[in-house]
Amino acid sequence: MKNFDIKRILKRFVQLRDKDKLKMEMTPHSDWRMLFVIFTILIVAVGSASYYIFLRIQHDDIFLAKENEMVRVRTFNTQKLKDTIGIFEQRKKELEMLRAEKPSIIDPSI
């Protein structure tokens, strides 16, 4: 089992470029280094944004409405609601009448 050398691993990530500056080929070390840097930056950015939003919510100033601002609420029309309910009640009555009424078809089995 090989010894775990943290200095050697950190040295690979800290090293910005390969030793040969004219070397244009991609190596696995540079790929992993680029992924490590990108995800580290993303983690720091998301963490700081989450912390900022947490602080704003904790101080109750993120979701407050301005006092001078008029809040306009759109409500539904109660008369249209009553008319719609009346239409459904009328349909229900018509359906009950149709169910109670005997059909005027002659039964050939009699």
Protein backbone atom coordinates (compact mmCIF):
# COMPACT_ATOMS: atom_id res chain seq x y z
CA MET A 1 0.00 0.00 0.00
CA LYS A 2 1.38 3.39 -1.00
CA ASN A 3 1.79 6.19 1.47
CA PHE A 4 -0.69 9.03 1.17
CA ASP A 5 1.39 12.13 0.47
CA ILE A 6 -0.78 15.24 0.74
CA LYS A 7 2.07 17.59 -0.20
CA ARG A 8 2.54 15.88 -3.54
CA ILE A 9 -1.20 16.06 -4.32
CA LEU A 10 -1.43 19.74 -3.38
CA LYS A 11 1.66 20.45 -5.44
CA ARG A 12 -0.13 19.13 -8.53
CA PHE A 13 -3.08 21.46 -8.00
CA VAL A 14 -1.00 24.51 -7.10
CA GLN A 15 1.22 24.14 -10.15
CA LEU A 16 -0.46 26.45 -12.66
CA ARG A 17 1.16 25.22 -15.88
CA ASP A 18 3.23 22.35 -17.08
CA LYS A 19 6.97 22.80 -17.03
CA ASP A 20 7.11 23.19 -20.79
CA LYS A 21 5.14 26.37 -21.59
CA LEU A 22 5.02 25.59 -25.30
CA LYS A 23 3.40 22.22 -24.66
CA MET A 24 -0.08 22.42 -26.19
CA GLU A 25 -1.41 18.96 -25.39
CA MET A 26 -3.96 18.38 -22.66
CA THR A 27 -2.97 16.11 -19.81
CA PRO A 28 -5.22 14.45 -17.22
CA HIS A 29 -3.60 16.55 -14.51
CA SER A 30 -4.53 19.80 -16.22
CA ASP A 31 -8.08 18.54 -16.81
CA TRP A 32 -8.55 17.61 -13.17
CA ARG A 33 -6.94 20.86 -12.06
CA MET A 34 -9.36 22.84 -14.24
CA LEU A 35 -12.36 20.92 -12.87
CA PHE A 36 -11.13 21.43 -9.31
CA VAL A 37 -10.74 25.19 -9.81
CA ILE A 38 -14.13 25.58 -11.50
CA PHE A 39 -16.02 23.61 -8.86
CA THR A 40 -14.19 25.37 -6.03
CA ILE A 41 -15.23 28.74 -7.46
CA LEU A 42 -18.83 27.50 -7.88
CA ILE A 43 -18.97 26.19 -4.32
CA VAL A 44 -17.68 29.49 -2.93
CA ALA A 45 -20.13 31.50 -5.06
CA VAL A 46 -23.17 29.39 -4.13
CA GLY A 47 -22.16 29.33 -0.47
CA SER A 48 -21.74 33.09 -0.29
CA ALA A 49 -25.04 33.70 -2.10
CA SER A 50 -26.84 31.32 0.27
CA TYR A 51 -25.28 33.02 3.28
CA TYR A 52 -26.30 36.46 1.96
CA ILE A 53 -29.90 35.34 1.43
CA PHE A 54 -29.92 33.69 4.87
CA LEU A 55 -28.82 36.95 6.50
CA ARG A 56 -31.42 38.96 4.58
CA ILE A 57 -34.19 36.57 5.66
CA GLN A 58 -32.97 36.57 9.24
CA HIS A 59 -33.18 40.37 9.42
CA ASP A 60 -36.65 40.33 7.77
CA ASP A 61 -35.80 42.76 5.00
CA ILE A 62 -35.89 40.58 1.91
CA PHE A 63 -39.64 40.02 1.54
CA LEU A 64 -40.97 43.32 2.85
CA ALA A 65 -43.17 45.58 0.74
CA LYS A 66 -42.54 49.29 0.72
CA GLU A 67 -44.99 51.24 2.88
CA ASN A 68 -45.77 53.88 0.25
CA GLU A 69 -46.36 51.30 -2.45
CA MET A 70 -49.98 50.46 -3.15
CA VAL A 71 -50.56 46.73 -3.28
CA ARG A 72 -53.21 45.90 -5.84
CA VAL A 73 -55.00 42.62 -5.38
CA ARG A 74 -57.01 41.11 -8.19
CA THR A 75 -60.11 39.30 -6.96
CA PHE A 76 -62.57 37.15 -8.82
CA ASN A 77 -66.07 38.24 -9.74
CA THR A 78 -68.56 36.73 -7.27
CA GLN A 79 -71.52 37.34 -9.61
CA LYS A 80 -69.91 35.19 -12.33
CA LEU A 81 -69.27 32.50 -9.74
CA LYS A 82 -72.94 32.53 -8.70
CA ASP A 83 -74.05 32.38 -12.35
CA THR A 84 -71.79 29.39 -12.99
CA ILE A 85 -73.09 27.58 -9.92
CA GLY A 86 -76.65 28.30 -11.10
CA ILE A 87 -75.89 26.79 -14.52
CA PHE A 88 -74.60 23.61 -12.92
CA GLU A 89 -77.64 23.42 -10.62
CA GLN A 90 -79.94 23.77 -13.66
CA ARG A 91 -78.07 20.98 -15.48
CA LYS A 92 -78.40 18.78 -12.40
CA LYS A 93 -82.18 19.34 -12.30
CA GLU A 94 -82.48 18.56 -16.02
CA LEU A 95 -80.51 15.34 -15.56
CA GLU A 96 -82.73 14.24 -12.69
CA MET A 97 -85.82 14.92 -14.81
CA LEU A 98 -84.40 12.83 -17.68
CA ARG A 99 -83.63 9.99 -15.30
CA ALA A 100 -87.14 10.04 -13.78
CA GLU A 101 -88.90 10.13 -17.14
CA LYS A 102 -89.52 6.78 -18.82
CA PRO A 103 -88.17 6.44 -22.34
CA SER A 104 -90.74 6.44 -25.18
CA ILE A 105 -89.10 3.54 -26.99
CA ILE A 106 -91.20 0.44 -27.63
CA ASP A 107 -89.66 -2.67 -26.14
CA PRO A 108 -89.80 -5.48 -28.74
CA SER A 109 -89.40 -8.21 -26.12
CA ILE A 110 -92.89 -7.68 -24.71
